[in-house]
Amino acid sequence: MNITIRPATPDDISGIYALVKELAEYEHAAHEVTATEELYHQCLEDGTFMCIVADIDGQIVGICIYYMTFSTWKGKMLYLEDFVVRQSHRQHGIGQLLFDSYLATAKSQGCALAKWQVLDWNEPAIKFYEKNGAIIEKEWWNGKIIF
């Protein structure tokens, strides 16, 4: 398997969007995806988010979607919004390659930390993050307002 880890381009949007929908299904929330492919195009092009893809022979099989934010306590922070490897391509080290690239990006951008969320029932993901030395915070609750 010849895996290429690289920054996403606008030509990758359909593959990225398909993986976001696959992740939403895995998280039992497919009905909550309301963003369109067109919005993904616009937001990738204007820098609202960045994305690293895992590409095998032109097929996008994994993604890390992230953006720069700020921690008032620590400074610059790279926030990992979505991280998914196609179900059929898991257990081949693709996730580790993507995650390593995301962390390298955070370091190269001068970030003090990298941060993300993980569902409390997603044991495989929790184990993956802990294997990579992550601190899984359990005392913070999420807040949001949907417009």
Protein backbone atom coordinates (compact mmCIF):
# COMPACT_ATOMS: atom_id res chain seq x y z
CA MET A 1 0.00 0.00 0.00
CA ASN A 2 1.53 3.33 -1.10
CA ILE A 3 0.20 5.95 1.35
CA THR A 4 0.81 9.64 0.72
CA ILE A 5 0.20 12.08 3.58
CA ARG A 6 -0.20 15.60 2.22
CA PRO A 7 -2.07 18.90 2.60
CA ALA A 8 -5.55 18.84 1.10
CA THR A 9 -6.37 20.65 -2.13
CA PRO A 10 -9.76 21.80 -3.42
CA ASP A 11 -9.81 18.68 -5.62
CA ASP A 12 -9.96 16.57 -2.43
CA ILE A 13 -13.20 18.09 -1.09
CA SER A 14 -15.51 15.26 -2.23
CA GLY A 15 -13.31 12.67 -0.54
CA ILE A 16 -13.00 14.80 2.60
CA TYR A 17 -16.74 15.36 2.75
CA ALA A 18 -17.46 11.65 2.31
CA LEU A 19 -15.18 10.84 5.27
CA VAL A 20 -16.82 13.51 7.44
CA LYS A 21 -20.17 11.87 6.70
CA GLU A 22 -18.71 8.43 7.48
CA LEU A 23 -17.49 9.76 10.83
CA ALA A 24 -20.90 11.28 11.58
CA GLU A 25 -22.52 7.90 10.91
CA TYR A 26 -20.03 6.18 13.22
CA GLU A 27 -20.89 8.74 15.90
CA HIS A 28 -24.64 8.10 15.39
CA ALA A 29 -25.14 11.70 14.23
CA ALA A 30 -25.42 11.58 10.43
CA HIS A 31 -28.58 13.68 10.60
CA GLU A 32 -26.58 16.54 12.13
CA VAL A 33 -24.36 17.13 9.08
CA THR A 34 -25.75 20.28 7.47
CA ALA A 35 -22.59 21.79 5.96
CA THR A 36 -22.38 21.31 2.20
CA GLU A 37 -19.51 20.37 -0.07
CA GLU A 38 -19.68 23.89 -1.49
CA LEU A 39 -19.12 25.32 2.01
CA TYR A 40 -16.17 22.97 2.47
CA HIS A 41 -14.67 24.27 -0.79
CA GLN A 42 -15.10 27.88 0.30
CA CYS A 43 -13.73 27.32 3.81
CA LEU A 44 -10.68 25.33 2.67
CA GLU A 45 -9.86 27.99 0.10
CA ASP A 46 -10.28 30.93 2.51
CA GLY A 47 -8.31 29.23 5.30
CA THR A 48 -11.17 28.76 7.74
CA PHE A 49 -9.84 25.24 8.16
CA MET A 50 -6.87 23.23 6.97
CA CYS A 51 -6.76 19.54 6.22
CA ILE A 52 -4.20 16.80 5.89
CA VAL A 53 -5.22 13.81 3.79
CA ALA A 54 -4.06 10.23 3.47
CA ASP A 55 -4.11 9.39 -0.23
CA ILE A 56 -3.79 5.94 -1.76
CA ASP A 57 -3.68 6.02 -5.55
CA GLY A 58 -5.83 9.15 -5.72
CA GLN A 59 -8.39 7.93 -3.17
CA ILE A 60 -8.73 9.88 0.09
CA VAL A 61 -8.77 7.27 2.87
CA GLY A 62 -8.07 9.47 5.90
CA ILE A 63 -8.28 13.08 7.02
CA CYS A 64 -7.33 15.47 9.79
CA ILE A 65 -9.32 18.72 9.68
CA TYR A 66 -7.91 21.40 11.95
CA TYR A 67 -7.68 25.14 12.54
CA MET A 68 -5.65 27.63 14.54
CA THR A 69 -7.14 28.95 17.75
CA PHE A 70 -5.87 30.45 20.99
CA SER A 71 -5.61 29.29 24.59
CA THR A 72 -5.64 32.23 26.99
CA TRP A 73 -3.53 30.16 29.38
CA LYS A 74 -1.06 28.56 26.95
CA GLY A 75 -1.03 30.59 23.70
CA LYS A 76 -1.37 29.34 20.13
CA MET A 77 -3.28 26.08 19.81
CA LEU A 78 -4.07 23.86 16.83
CA TYR A 79 -7.55 22.39 17.23
CA LEU A 80 -8.26 19.03 15.59
CA GLU A 81 -11.89 19.17 14.49
CA ASP A 82 -12.19 15.84 12.71
CA PHE A 83 -9.84 12.89 12.40
CA VAL A 84 -10.99 9.78 10.57
CA VAL A 85 -9.64 6.90 8.55
CA ARG A 86 -12.01 5.02 6.26
CA GLN A 87 -13.21 1.88 8.05
CA SER A 88 -11.81 -0.36 5.31
CA HIS A 89 -8.31 1.13 5.76
CA ARG A 90 -7.93 1.03 9.53
CA GLN A 91 -5.22 -0.99 11.28
CA HIS A 92 -2.61 -0.13 8.62
CA GLY A 93 -0.90 2.75 10.46
CA ILE A 94 -2.65 5.45 8.41
CA GLY A 95 -4.15 7.10 11.50
CA GLN A 96 -0.75 7.30 13.15
CA LEU A 97 0.77 8.87 10.04
CA LEU A 98 -2.01 11.48 9.92
CA PHE A 99 -1.83 12.22 13.64
CA ASP A 100 1.96 12.56 13.52
CA SER A 101 1.62 15.00 10.63
CA TYR A 102 -1.00 17.02 12.54
CA LEU A 103 1.28 17.21 15.61
CA ALA A 104 4.25 18.19 13.44
CA THR A 105 2.13 20.96 11.91
CA ALA A 106 1.22 22.24 15.39
CA LYS A 107 4.89 22.30 16.41
CA SER A 108 6.00 23.98 13.18
CA GLN A 109 3.33 26.68 13.70
CA GLY A 110 4.74 27.44 17.15
CA CYS A 111 1.73 26.09 19.02
CA ALA A 112 1.89 25.49 22.76
CA LEU A 113 -0.63 22.67 22.49
CA ALA A 114 -2.81 20.57 20.22
CA LYS A 115 -6.35 19.87 21.36
CA TRP A 116 -9.43 17.87 20.29
CA GLN A 117 -12.50 16.12 21.62
CA VAL A 118 -13.24 12.42 21.80
CA LEU A 119 -16.56 10.78 22.64
CA ASP A 120 -16.53 9.03 26.01
CA TRP A 121 -17.73 5.76 24.44
CA ASN A 122 -15.14 5.70 21.64
CA GLU A 123 -12.68 3.35 23.35
CA PRO A 124 -10.52 2.69 20.26
CA ALA A 125 -9.95 6.43 19.80
CA ILE A 126 -9.27 6.99 23.51
CA LYS A 127 -6.71 4.18 23.51
CA PHE A 128 -5.08 5.62 20.37
CA TYR A 129 -4.75 9.08 21.92
CA GLU A 130 -3.49 7.71 25.25
CA LYS A 131 -0.92 5.59 23.37
CA ASN A 132 0.32 8.87 21.91
CA GLY A 133 0.71 10.46 25.34
CA ALA A 134 -2.51 12.50 25.33
CA ILE A 135 -4.22 13.76 28.45
CA ILE A 136 -7.93 12.97 28.23
CA GLU A 137 -9.73 15.63 30.28
CA LYS A 138 -12.98 14.50 31.84
CA GLU A 139 -13.87 17.51 33.95
CA TRP A 140 -14.81 19.98 31.19
CA TRP A 141 -18.31 20.07 29.67
CA ASN A 142 -18.98 21.33 26.15
CA GLY A 143 -21.19 24.31 25.51
CA LYS A 144 -22.60 25.44 22.19
CA ILE A 145 -25.31 27.45 20.50
CA ILE A 146 -26.46 26.37 17.05
CA PHE A 147 -27.74 29.09 14.73
